[in-house]
């Protein structure tokens, strides 16, 4: 894993400590699109209090439903590792976004090797907005290969990446999400 400040499809954004944004505080975001039209991604470590099967009848697994971002929080999105799902879009690192939901449901029921994360909403930036936030010190950009399968990251992923980045970041790994509530 290496890092620089160049966002791209298939990279991770790690929020720097004390960014002052309630949603993105201590966030790990996977970028699924980055081009001249803007940037789209999903926050990997913000669990809701719901399971996917709370929204989808007869859903086969007990996966937590994640908050993907502050945009379109009433829409369901899913990242997965299954290339056999028609109409899914490759987003880098052997991962795909969306696709035929009925086939997706069948595959996750039949094949335990199919991993996924489901999200309410997504994270989006207009052209140049993310670059400005990176320049302002809001984000660190990590490039593959990642040490962990990002579909299995837990709510503690931000702390783990702070340790991995080392130096000044390691100090922040044990900070509370809201340091003013000490």
N, C-alpha and C. Protein backbone atom coordinates (compact mmCIF):
# COMPACT_ATOMS: atom_id res chain seq x y z
N UNK A 1 0.84 -1.17 0.00
CA UNK A 1 0.00 0.00 0.00
C UNK A 1 0.89 1.24 0.00
N UNK A 2 0.52 2.19 -0.81
CA UNK A 2 1.25 3.46 -0.79
C UNK A 2 0.23 4.60 -0.86
N UNK A 3 0.70 5.78 -0.49
CA UNK A 3 -0.22 6.90 -0.49
C UNK A 3 0.42 8.12 -1.12
N UNK A 4 -0.43 8.89 -1.77
CA UNK A 4 -0.10 10.22 -2.27
C UNK A 4 -1.42 10.97 -2.34
N UNK A 5 -1.41 12.14 -2.84
CA UNK A 5 -2.63 12.94 -2.81
C UNK A 5 -3.34 13.00 -4.16
N UNK A 6 -3.23 11.93 -4.95
CA UNK A 6 -3.89 11.89 -6.24
C UNK A 6 -5.07 10.92 -6.20
N UNK A 7 -6.30 11.41 -6.09
CA UNK A 7 -7.45 10.51 -6.07
C UNK A 7 -7.64 9.86 -7.44
N UNK A 8 -8.15 8.65 -7.43
CA UNK A 8 -8.43 7.91 -8.66
C UNK A 8 -9.45 6.84 -8.35
N UNK A 9 -10.12 6.37 -9.37
CA UNK A 9 -11.02 5.23 -9.22
C UNK A 9 -10.24 4.08 -8.61
N UNK A 10 -10.80 3.45 -7.58
CA UNK A 10 -10.14 2.31 -6.95
C UNK A 10 -9.21 2.66 -5.80
N UNK A 11 -9.20 3.92 -5.37
CA UNK A 11 -8.36 4.31 -4.23
C UNK A 11 -9.24 4.53 -3.00
N UNK A 12 -8.58 4.62 -1.86
CA UNK A 12 -9.26 4.89 -0.59
C UNK A 12 -8.97 6.31 -0.14
N UNK A 13 -9.97 6.96 0.42
CA UNK A 13 -9.78 8.23 1.11
C UNK A 13 -9.86 7.94 2.60
N UNK A 14 -8.88 8.41 3.34
CA UNK A 14 -8.88 8.29 4.79
C UNK A 14 -8.99 9.71 5.33
N UNK A 15 -10.05 9.98 6.09
CA UNK A 15 -10.21 11.33 6.62
C UNK A 15 -9.13 11.60 7.66
N UNK A 16 -8.59 12.80 7.59
CA UNK A 16 -7.62 13.21 8.60
C UNK A 16 -8.37 13.55 9.88
N UNK A 17 -7.70 13.48 11.02
CA UNK A 17 -8.36 13.78 12.29
C UNK A 17 -8.89 15.21 12.34
N UNK A 18 -9.98 15.37 13.05
CA UNK A 18 -10.55 16.69 13.33
C UNK A 18 -10.95 17.47 12.07
N UNK A 19 -11.56 16.80 11.10
CA UNK A 19 -11.95 17.52 9.89
C UNK A 19 -13.18 18.39 10.11
N UNK A 20 -13.89 18.16 11.21
CA UNK A 20 -15.01 19.02 11.54
C UNK A 20 -16.26 18.76 10.73
N UNK A 21 -16.37 17.59 10.14
CA UNK A 21 -17.55 17.21 9.37
C UNK A 21 -18.16 15.99 10.03
N UNK A 22 -19.34 16.13 10.56
CA UNK A 22 -19.97 15.05 11.30
C UNK A 22 -20.03 13.73 10.54
N UNK A 23 -20.40 13.77 9.27
CA UNK A 23 -20.53 12.51 8.54
C UNK A 23 -19.17 11.88 8.26
N UNK A 24 -18.23 12.66 7.79
CA UNK A 24 -16.95 12.09 7.34
C UNK A 24 -15.89 11.99 8.43
N UNK A 25 -16.21 12.36 9.65
CA UNK A 25 -15.25 12.22 10.75
C UNK A 25 -14.87 10.75 10.89
N UNK A 26 -13.58 10.45 10.90
CA UNK A 26 -13.04 9.09 11.03
C UNK A 26 -13.61 8.15 9.97
N UNK A 27 -13.59 8.59 8.72
CA UNK A 27 -14.15 7.81 7.61
C UNK A 27 -13.10 7.20 6.71
N UNK A 28 -13.47 6.07 6.13
CA UNK A 28 -12.71 5.41 5.08
C UNK A 28 -13.66 5.30 3.89
N UNK A 29 -13.31 5.95 2.77
CA UNK A 29 -14.18 6.01 1.59
C UNK A 29 -13.48 5.35 0.41
N UNK A 30 -14.19 4.43 -0.27
CA UNK A 30 -13.66 3.79 -1.47
C UNK A 30 -14.20 4.55 -2.68
N UNK A 31 -13.31 5.01 -3.56
CA UNK A 31 -13.72 5.77 -4.74
C UNK A 31 -14.03 4.83 -5.89
N UNK A 32 -15.27 4.92 -6.38
CA UNK A 32 -15.69 4.07 -7.50
C UNK A 32 -15.69 4.82 -8.83
N UNK A 33 -15.57 6.12 -8.77
CA UNK A 33 -15.51 6.93 -9.98
C UNK A 33 -14.77 8.22 -9.67
N UNK A 34 -13.88 8.62 -10.57
CA UNK A 34 -13.20 9.90 -10.45
C UNK A 34 -12.83 10.34 -11.85
N UNK A 35 -13.49 11.40 -12.33
CA UNK A 35 -13.23 11.89 -13.68
C UNK A 35 -13.59 13.37 -13.76
N UNK A 36 -13.64 13.90 -14.97
CA UNK A 36 -13.90 15.33 -15.14
C UNK A 36 -15.31 15.74 -14.70
N UNK A 37 -16.21 14.77 -14.51
CA UNK A 37 -17.56 15.07 -14.05
C UNK A 37 -17.69 15.08 -12.53
N UNK A 38 -16.65 14.61 -11.84
CA UNK A 38 -16.68 14.60 -10.38
C UNK A 38 -16.22 13.26 -9.82
N UNK A 39 -16.54 13.03 -8.56
CA UNK A 39 -16.07 11.84 -7.85
C UNK A 39 -17.22 11.21 -7.09
N UNK A 40 -17.25 9.87 -7.11
CA UNK A 40 -18.27 9.11 -6.39
C UNK A 40 -17.59 8.03 -5.59
N UNK A 41 -18.06 7.81 -4.37
CA UNK A 41 -17.49 6.75 -3.54
C UNK A 41 -18.45 6.34 -2.44
N UNK A 42 -18.01 5.38 -1.63
CA UNK A 42 -18.84 4.84 -0.56
C UNK A 42 -18.03 4.75 0.73
N UNK A 43 -18.61 5.24 1.81
CA UNK A 43 -17.97 5.17 3.12
C UNK A 43 -18.07 3.74 3.62
N UNK A 44 -16.94 3.11 3.90
CA UNK A 44 -16.89 1.69 4.21
C UNK A 44 -17.06 1.36 5.68
N UNK A 45 -16.96 2.32 6.55
CA UNK A 45 -16.90 2.00 7.99
C UNK A 45 -17.98 2.70 8.83
N UNK A 46 -19.07 3.09 8.21
CA UNK A 46 -20.17 3.74 8.96
C UNK A 46 -21.40 2.84 8.92
N UNK A 47 -21.55 2.00 9.94
CA UNK A 47 -22.68 1.07 9.98
C UNK A 47 -23.95 1.77 10.43
N UNK A 48 -25.05 1.39 9.79
CA UNK A 48 -26.36 1.82 10.28
C UNK A 48 -26.80 0.82 11.35
N UNK A 49 -27.95 1.02 11.91
CA UNK A 49 -28.46 0.05 12.88
C UNK A 49 -29.38 -0.97 12.21
N UNK A 50 -29.30 -1.06 10.89
CA UNK A 50 -30.12 -1.98 10.11
C UNK A 50 -29.28 -3.05 9.45
N UNK A 51 -29.92 -4.17 9.16
CA UNK A 51 -29.33 -5.20 8.31
C UNK A 51 -29.95 -5.06 6.93
N UNK A 52 -29.26 -5.57 5.91
CA UNK A 52 -29.80 -5.50 4.55
C UNK A 52 -31.17 -6.18 4.51
N UNK A 53 -31.30 -7.31 5.22
CA UNK A 53 -32.57 -8.04 5.17
C UNK A 53 -33.71 -7.29 5.86
N UNK A 54 -33.42 -6.22 6.59
CA UNK A 54 -34.48 -5.38 7.13
C UNK A 54 -35.18 -4.60 6.01
N UNK A 55 -34.47 -4.38 4.91
CA UNK A 55 -35.03 -3.65 3.77
C UNK A 55 -35.42 -4.56 2.61
N UNK A 56 -34.76 -5.70 2.49
CA UNK A 56 -34.97 -6.59 1.35
C UNK A 56 -35.54 -7.91 1.87
N UNK A 57 -36.79 -8.21 1.49
CA UNK A 57 -37.42 -9.46 1.93
C UNK A 57 -36.62 -10.67 1.49
N UNK A 58 -36.53 -11.65 2.37
CA UNK A 58 -35.89 -12.94 2.10
C UNK A 58 -34.42 -12.81 1.71
N UNK A 59 -33.75 -11.78 2.21
CA UNK A 59 -32.32 -11.62 1.92
C UNK A 59 -31.55 -12.69 2.68
N UNK A 60 -30.57 -13.31 2.03
CA UNK A 60 -29.93 -14.52 2.54
C UNK A 60 -28.95 -14.31 3.69
N UNK A 61 -28.38 -13.14 3.84
CA UNK A 61 -27.32 -12.95 4.85
C UNK A 61 -27.66 -11.83 5.82
N UNK A 62 -26.92 -11.83 6.93
CA UNK A 62 -27.14 -10.84 7.99
C UNK A 62 -26.16 -9.67 7.91
N UNK A 63 -25.78 -9.25 6.74
CA UNK A 63 -24.83 -8.15 6.59
C UNK A 63 -25.43 -6.83 7.07
N UNK A 64 -24.60 -6.05 7.74
CA UNK A 64 -25.01 -4.72 8.17
C UNK A 64 -25.20 -3.83 6.95
N UNK A 65 -26.14 -2.95 7.05
CA UNK A 65 -26.36 -1.93 6.02
C UNK A 65 -25.51 -0.73 6.41
N UNK A 66 -24.69 -0.26 5.50
CA UNK A 66 -23.76 0.82 5.77
C UNK A 66 -24.33 2.16 5.29
N UNK A 67 -23.86 3.25 5.90
CA UNK A 67 -24.14 4.58 5.37
C UNK A 67 -23.05 4.88 4.35
N UNK A 68 -23.40 4.91 3.07
CA UNK A 68 -22.41 5.12 2.02
C UNK A 68 -21.99 6.57 1.88
N UNK A 69 -22.85 7.46 2.30
CA UNK A 69 -22.55 8.88 2.18
C UNK A 69 -23.79 9.71 2.36
N UNK A 70 -23.63 11.01 2.32
CA UNK A 70 -24.75 11.91 2.59
C UNK A 70 -25.66 12.17 1.38
N UNK A 71 -25.35 11.59 0.21
CA UNK A 71 -26.14 11.83 -0.99
C UNK A 71 -27.07 10.64 -1.25
N UNK A 72 -28.32 10.92 -1.58
CA UNK A 72 -29.33 9.90 -1.89
C UNK A 72 -29.39 8.80 -0.84
N UNK A 73 -29.58 9.18 0.40
CA UNK A 73 -29.59 8.20 1.49
C UNK A 73 -30.83 7.31 1.50
N UNK A 74 -31.75 7.52 0.57
CA UNK A 74 -32.90 6.63 0.46
C UNK A 74 -32.71 5.59 -0.64
N UNK A 75 -31.52 5.55 -1.25
CA UNK A 75 -31.23 4.59 -2.32
C UNK A 75 -30.25 3.53 -1.83
N UNK A 76 -30.44 2.29 -2.29
CA UNK A 76 -29.59 1.16 -1.93
C UNK A 76 -28.56 0.92 -3.02
N UNK A 77 -27.30 0.84 -2.63
CA UNK A 77 -26.19 0.55 -3.53
C UNK A 77 -25.43 -0.64 -2.96
N UNK A 78 -24.72 -1.37 -3.81
CA UNK A 78 -23.91 -2.47 -3.29
C UNK A 78 -22.65 -2.67 -4.11
N UNK A 79 -21.55 -2.86 -3.38
CA UNK A 79 -20.25 -3.22 -3.94
C UNK A 79 -20.06 -4.71 -3.70
N UNK A 80 -19.49 -5.40 -4.68
CA UNK A 80 -19.31 -6.85 -4.54
C UNK A 80 -18.11 -7.32 -5.34
N UNK A 81 -17.76 -8.59 -5.15
CA UNK A 81 -16.60 -9.16 -5.84
C UNK A 81 -17.03 -10.16 -6.92
N UNK A 82 -18.25 -10.04 -7.43
CA UNK A 82 -18.82 -11.05 -8.31
C UNK A 82 -18.96 -10.55 -9.74
N UNK A 83 -18.04 -11.00 -10.61
CA UNK A 83 -18.08 -10.56 -12.01
C UNK A 83 -19.22 -11.19 -12.80
N UNK A 84 -19.88 -12.22 -12.25
CA UNK A 84 -20.96 -12.91 -12.96
C UNK A 84 -22.29 -12.16 -12.90
N UNK A 85 -22.36 -11.04 -12.24
CA UNK A 85 -23.62 -10.31 -12.12
C UNK A 85 -23.76 -9.36 -13.31
N UNK A 86 -24.77 -9.62 -14.18
CA UNK A 86 -24.96 -8.75 -15.34
C UNK A 86 -25.23 -7.30 -14.94
N UNK A 87 -24.79 -6.40 -15.79
CA UNK A 87 -25.02 -4.96 -15.63
C UNK A 87 -24.29 -4.34 -14.45
N UNK A 88 -23.35 -5.07 -13.84
CA UNK A 88 -22.54 -4.45 -12.79
C UNK A 88 -21.38 -3.70 -13.44
N UNK A 89 -20.88 -2.70 -12.75
CA UNK A 89 -19.80 -1.87 -13.29
C UNK A 89 -18.51 -2.16 -12.54
N UNK A 90 -17.42 -2.50 -13.25
CA UNK A 90 -16.14 -2.69 -12.57
C UNK A 90 -15.64 -1.37 -12.00
N UNK A 91 -15.18 -1.42 -10.74
CA UNK A 91 -14.73 -0.19 -10.07
C UNK A 91 -13.31 -0.32 -9.54
N UNK A 92 -12.57 -1.33 -10.01
CA UNK A 92 -11.18 -1.50 -9.61
C UNK A 92 -10.99 -2.53 -8.53
N UNK A 93 -9.80 -3.10 -8.49
CA UNK A 93 -9.40 -4.04 -7.45
C UNK A 93 -10.28 -5.28 -7.37
N UNK A 94 -10.83 -5.72 -8.52
CA UNK A 94 -11.69 -6.90 -8.54
C UNK A 94 -13.06 -6.67 -7.95
N UNK A 95 -13.48 -5.42 -7.85
CA UNK A 95 -14.78 -5.09 -7.28
C UNK A 95 -15.71 -4.52 -8.34
N UNK A 96 -17.01 -4.66 -8.06
CA UNK A 96 -18.05 -4.23 -8.99
C UNK A 96 -19.12 -3.49 -8.21
N UNK A 97 -19.81 -2.59 -8.91
CA UNK A 97 -20.88 -1.82 -8.31
C UNK A 97 -22.19 -2.22 -8.97
N UNK A 98 -23.19 -2.55 -8.13
CA UNK A 98 -24.54 -2.81 -8.61
C UNK A 98 -24.67 -4.00 -9.53
N UNK A 99 -25.65 -3.93 -10.41
CA UNK A 99 -25.95 -5.01 -11.33
C UNK A 99 -27.33 -5.57 -11.08
N UNK A 100 -27.64 -6.66 -11.77
CA UNK A 100 -28.95 -7.31 -11.67
C UNK A 100 -29.15 -7.81 -10.23
N UNK A 101 -30.09 -7.20 -9.51
CA UNK A 101 -30.25 -7.48 -8.09
C UNK A 101 -30.75 -8.90 -7.82
N UNK A 102 -31.60 -9.43 -8.68
CA UNK A 102 -32.10 -10.80 -8.48
C UNK A 102 -30.96 -11.81 -8.60
N UNK A 103 -30.10 -11.63 -9.58
CA UNK A 103 -28.95 -12.54 -9.73
C UNK A 103 -27.98 -12.35 -8.57
N UNK A 104 -27.78 -11.12 -8.15
CA UNK A 104 -26.94 -10.84 -6.98
C UNK A 104 -27.46 -11.61 -5.77
N UNK A 105 -28.75 -11.53 -5.50
CA UNK A 105 -29.33 -12.24 -4.35
C UNK A 105 -29.12 -13.74 -4.48
N UNK A 106 -29.33 -14.28 -5.66
CA UNK A 106 -29.17 -15.73 -5.86
C UNK A 106 -27.72 -16.14 -5.61
N UNK A 107 -26.77 -15.38 -6.14
CA UNK A 107 -25.36 -15.73 -5.99
C UNK A 107 -24.90 -15.66 -4.53
N UNK A 108 -25.34 -14.67 -3.79
CA UNK A 108 -24.89 -14.60 -2.40
C UNK A 108 -25.51 -15.70 -1.55
N UNK A 109 -26.64 -16.22 -1.99
CA UNK A 109 -27.26 -17.33 -1.28
C UNK A 109 -26.53 -18.64 -1.60
N UNK A 110 -26.08 -18.79 -2.84
CA UNK A 110 -25.46 -20.04 -3.29
C UNK A 110 -23.96 -20.10 -3.06
N UNK A 111 -23.29 -18.97 -3.06
CA UNK A 111 -21.83 -18.96 -3.06
C UNK A 111 -21.30 -18.09 -1.92
N UNK A 112 -20.76 -18.72 -0.89
CA UNK A 112 -20.24 -17.99 0.27
C UNK A 112 -18.98 -17.19 -0.06
N UNK A 113 -18.37 -17.42 -1.23
CA UNK A 113 -17.19 -16.65 -1.62
C UNK A 113 -17.57 -15.27 -2.16
N UNK A 114 -18.84 -15.08 -2.44
CA UNK A 114 -19.31 -13.77 -2.89
C UNK A 114 -19.40 -12.86 -1.68
N UNK A 115 -18.56 -11.82 -1.67
CA UNK A 115 -18.60 -10.86 -0.57
C UNK A 115 -19.14 -9.53 -1.09
N UNK A 116 -19.71 -8.77 -0.18
CA UNK A 116 -20.31 -7.50 -0.59
C UNK A 116 -20.49 -6.58 0.61
N UNK A 117 -20.72 -5.32 0.30
CA UNK A 117 -21.18 -4.33 1.27
C UNK A 117 -22.34 -3.60 0.62
N UNK A 118 -23.41 -3.40 1.38
CA UNK A 118 -24.58 -2.67 0.89
C UNK A 118 -24.64 -1.33 1.60
N UNK A 119 -25.07 -0.31 0.87
CA UNK A 119 -25.02 1.06 1.36
C UNK A 119 -26.34 1.79 1.14
N UNK A 120 -26.67 2.64 2.08
CA UNK A 120 -27.69 3.65 1.87
C UNK A 120 -26.94 4.92 1.52
N UNK A 121 -27.18 5.43 0.33
CA UNK A 121 -26.53 6.66 -0.10
C UNK A 121 -25.10 6.47 -0.57
N UNK A 122 -24.53 7.56 -1.06
CA UNK A 122 -23.15 7.56 -1.53
C UNK A 122 -22.50 8.89 -1.20
N UNK A 123 -21.20 8.95 -1.40
CA UNK A 123 -20.42 10.17 -1.20
C UNK A 123 -20.09 10.74 -2.57
N UNK A 124 -20.34 12.00 -2.77
CA UNK A 124 -20.08 12.60 -4.07
C UNK A 124 -19.43 13.96 -3.96
N UNK A 125 -18.59 14.27 -4.94
CA UNK A 125 -17.90 15.55 -5.01
C UNK A 125 -18.03 16.10 -6.42
N UNK A 126 -18.24 17.38 -6.55
CA UNK A 126 -18.28 18.02 -7.86
C UNK A 126 -16.86 18.14 -8.41
N UNK A 127 -16.70 18.44 -9.71
CA UNK A 127 -15.36 18.54 -10.28
C UNK A 127 -14.48 19.51 -9.48
N UNK A 128 -13.30 19.04 -9.10
CA UNK A 128 -12.33 19.86 -8.38
C UNK A 128 -12.55 19.94 -6.88
N UNK A 129 -13.73 19.59 -6.40
CA UNK A 129 -14.04 19.71 -4.97
C UNK A 129 -13.17 18.79 -4.12
N UNK A 130 -13.03 17.53 -4.53
CA UNK A 130 -12.22 16.60 -3.73
C UNK A 130 -10.76 17.02 -3.73
N UNK A 131 -10.24 17.43 -4.87
CA UNK A 131 -8.85 17.89 -4.93
C UNK A 131 -8.62 19.06 -3.98
N UNK A 132 -9.60 19.95 -3.91
CA UNK A 132 -9.50 21.09 -2.99
C UNK A 132 -9.49 20.62 -1.54
N UNK A 133 -10.35 19.65 -1.21
CA UNK A 133 -10.38 19.12 0.16
C UNK A 133 -9.07 18.42 0.51
N UNK A 134 -8.49 17.71 -0.45
CA UNK A 134 -7.20 17.04 -0.22
C UNK A 134 -6.12 18.09 0.00
N UNK A 135 -6.12 19.12 -0.82
CA UNK A 135 -5.15 20.20 -0.69
C UNK A 135 -5.30 20.93 0.66
N UNK A 136 -6.53 21.02 1.16
CA UNK A 136 -6.79 21.65 2.46
C UNK A 136 -6.43 20.75 3.64
N UNK A 137 -6.06 19.50 3.36
CA UNK A 137 -5.65 18.60 4.43
C UNK A 137 -6.77 17.77 5.04
N UNK A 138 -7.87 17.61 4.32
CA UNK A 138 -9.00 16.84 4.83
C UNK A 138 -8.80 15.34 4.67
N UNK A 139 -8.13 14.92 3.59
CA UNK A 139 -8.03 13.50 3.24
C UNK A 139 -6.60 13.08 2.95
N UNK A 140 -6.32 11.80 3.20
CA UNK A 140 -5.13 11.11 2.71
C UNK A 140 -5.64 10.10 1.69
N UNK A 141 -4.97 9.98 0.55
CA UNK A 141 -5.38 9.04 -0.50
C UNK A 141 -4.46 7.83 -0.48
N UNK A 142 -5.04 6.63 -0.33
CA UNK A 142 -4.28 5.39 -0.34
C UNK A 142 -4.53 4.66 -1.65
N UNK A 143 -3.45 4.17 -2.24
CA UNK A 143 -3.54 3.44 -3.51
C UNK A 143 -3.33 1.95 -3.27
N UNK A 144 -3.93 1.10 -4.12
CA UNK A 144 -3.74 -0.34 -3.96
C UNK A 144 -2.29 -0.72 -4.20
N UNK A 145 -1.84 -1.87 -3.76
CA UNK A 145 -2.68 -2.89 -3.13
C UNK A 145 -2.95 -2.54 -1.67
N UNK A 146 -4.17 -2.88 -1.23
CA UNK A 146 -4.54 -2.67 0.16
C UNK A 146 -4.22 -3.93 0.95
N UNK A 147 -3.92 -3.75 2.23
CA UNK A 147 -3.56 -4.89 3.07
C UNK A 147 -4.77 -5.74 3.43
N UNK A 148 -5.96 -5.21 3.27
CA UNK A 148 -7.18 -5.89 3.69
C UNK A 148 -8.19 -5.85 2.56
N UNK A 149 -9.02 -6.89 2.47
CA UNK A 149 -10.15 -6.87 1.55
C UNK A 149 -11.10 -5.77 2.02
N UNK A 150 -11.30 -4.76 1.22
CA UNK A 150 -12.08 -3.62 1.69
C UNK A 150 -13.54 -3.97 1.95
N UNK A 151 -14.03 -5.07 1.37
CA UNK A 151 -15.41 -5.46 1.63
C UNK A 151 -15.59 -6.05 3.03
N UNK A 152 -14.49 -6.34 3.70
CA UNK A 152 -14.59 -6.90 5.05
C UNK A 152 -14.17 -5.90 6.13
N UNK A 153 -13.90 -4.66 5.74
CA UNK A 153 -13.50 -3.65 6.72
C UNK A 153 -14.61 -3.42 7.74
N UNK A 154 -14.22 -3.20 8.98
CA UNK A 154 -15.18 -2.97 10.06
C UNK A 154 -15.24 -1.48 10.40
N UNK A 155 -16.05 -1.18 11.39
CA UNK A 155 -16.17 0.21 11.83
C UNK A 155 -14.86 0.74 12.41
N UNK A 156 -13.93 -0.15 12.76
CA UNK A 156 -12.63 0.25 13.30
C UNK A 156 -11.56 0.47 12.22
N UNK A 157 -11.96 0.45 10.96
CA UNK A 157 -11.00 0.57 9.86
C UNK A 157 -10.22 1.87 9.91
N UNK A 158 -10.85 2.97 10.27
CA UNK A 158 -10.15 4.25 10.30
C UNK A 158 -8.97 4.19 11.26
N UNK A 159 -9.19 3.64 12.45
CA UNK A 159 -8.12 3.52 13.44
C UNK A 159 -6.98 2.65 12.90
N UNK A 160 -7.34 1.55 12.25
CA UNK A 160 -6.32 0.66 11.69
C UNK A 160 -5.48 1.39 10.64
N UNK A 161 -6.12 2.19 9.79
CA UNK A 161 -5.36 2.94 8.78
C UNK A 161 -4.51 4.04 9.41
N UNK A 162 -4.96 4.64 10.50
CA UNK A 162 -4.13 5.62 11.20
C UNK A 162 -2.85 4.96 11.70
N UNK A 163 -2.96 3.74 12.22
CA UNK A 163 -1.76 2.99 12.65
C UNK A 163 -0.86 2.70 11.45
N UNK A 164 -1.47 2.26 10.35
CA UNK A 164 -0.71 1.91 9.15
C UNK A 164 0.04 3.11 8.59
N UNK A 165 -0.60 4.27 8.57
CA UNK A 165 0.05 5.48 8.06
C UNK A 165 1.22 5.90 8.93
N UNK A 166 1.15 5.57 10.23
CA UNK A 166 2.26 5.83 11.14
C UNK A 166 2.47 7.31 11.44
N UNK A 167 3.61 7.60 12.04
CA UNK A 167 3.98 8.98 12.37
C UNK A 167 2.91 9.70 13.14
N UNK A 168 2.61 10.93 12.71
CA UNK A 168 1.62 11.75 13.39
C UNK A 168 0.24 11.10 13.40
N UNK A 169 -0.07 10.29 12.40
CA UNK A 169 -1.39 9.66 12.32
C UNK A 169 -1.58 8.62 13.42
N UNK A 170 -0.52 7.91 13.77
CA UNK A 170 -0.62 6.87 14.79
C UNK A 170 -1.12 7.46 16.12
N UNK A 171 -0.73 8.68 16.41
CA UNK A 171 -1.16 9.34 17.65
C UNK A 171 -2.68 9.47 17.68
N UNK A 172 -3.30 9.71 16.52
CA UNK A 172 -4.74 9.93 16.44
C UNK A 172 -5.55 8.64 16.45
N UNK A 173 -4.91 7.51 16.30
CA UNK A 173 -5.64 6.24 16.17
C UNK A 173 -6.56 5.96 17.35
N UNK A 174 -6.21 6.40 18.53
CA UNK A 174 -7.04 6.12 19.71
C UNK A 174 -7.88 7.31 20.15
N UNK A 175 -7.92 8.35 19.34
CA UNK A 175 -8.72 9.53 19.69
C UNK A 175 -10.21 9.20 19.57
N UNK A 176 -11.03 9.77 20.44
CA UNK A 176 -12.48 9.57 20.31
C UNK A 176 -12.98 10.25 19.03
N UNK A 177 -14.11 9.79 18.52
CA UNK A 177 -14.65 10.38 17.30
C UNK A 177 -14.90 11.88 17.48
N UNK A 178 -15.36 12.26 18.65
CA UNK A 178 -15.53 13.68 18.97
C UNK A 178 -14.61 14.00 20.14
N UNK A 179 -13.40 14.52 19.87
CA UNK A 179 -12.43 14.75 20.94
C UNK A 179 -12.89 15.78 21.97
N UNK A 180 -13.89 16.59 21.64
CA UNK A 180 -14.39 17.59 22.58
C UNK A 180 -15.32 16.95 23.61
N UNK A 181 -15.71 15.69 23.37
CA UNK A 181 -16.56 14.95 24.31
C UNK A 181 -15.69 13.99 25.11
N UNK A 182 -14.58 14.47 25.60
CA UNK A 182 -13.59 13.65 26.28
C UNK A 182 -14.05 13.20 27.64
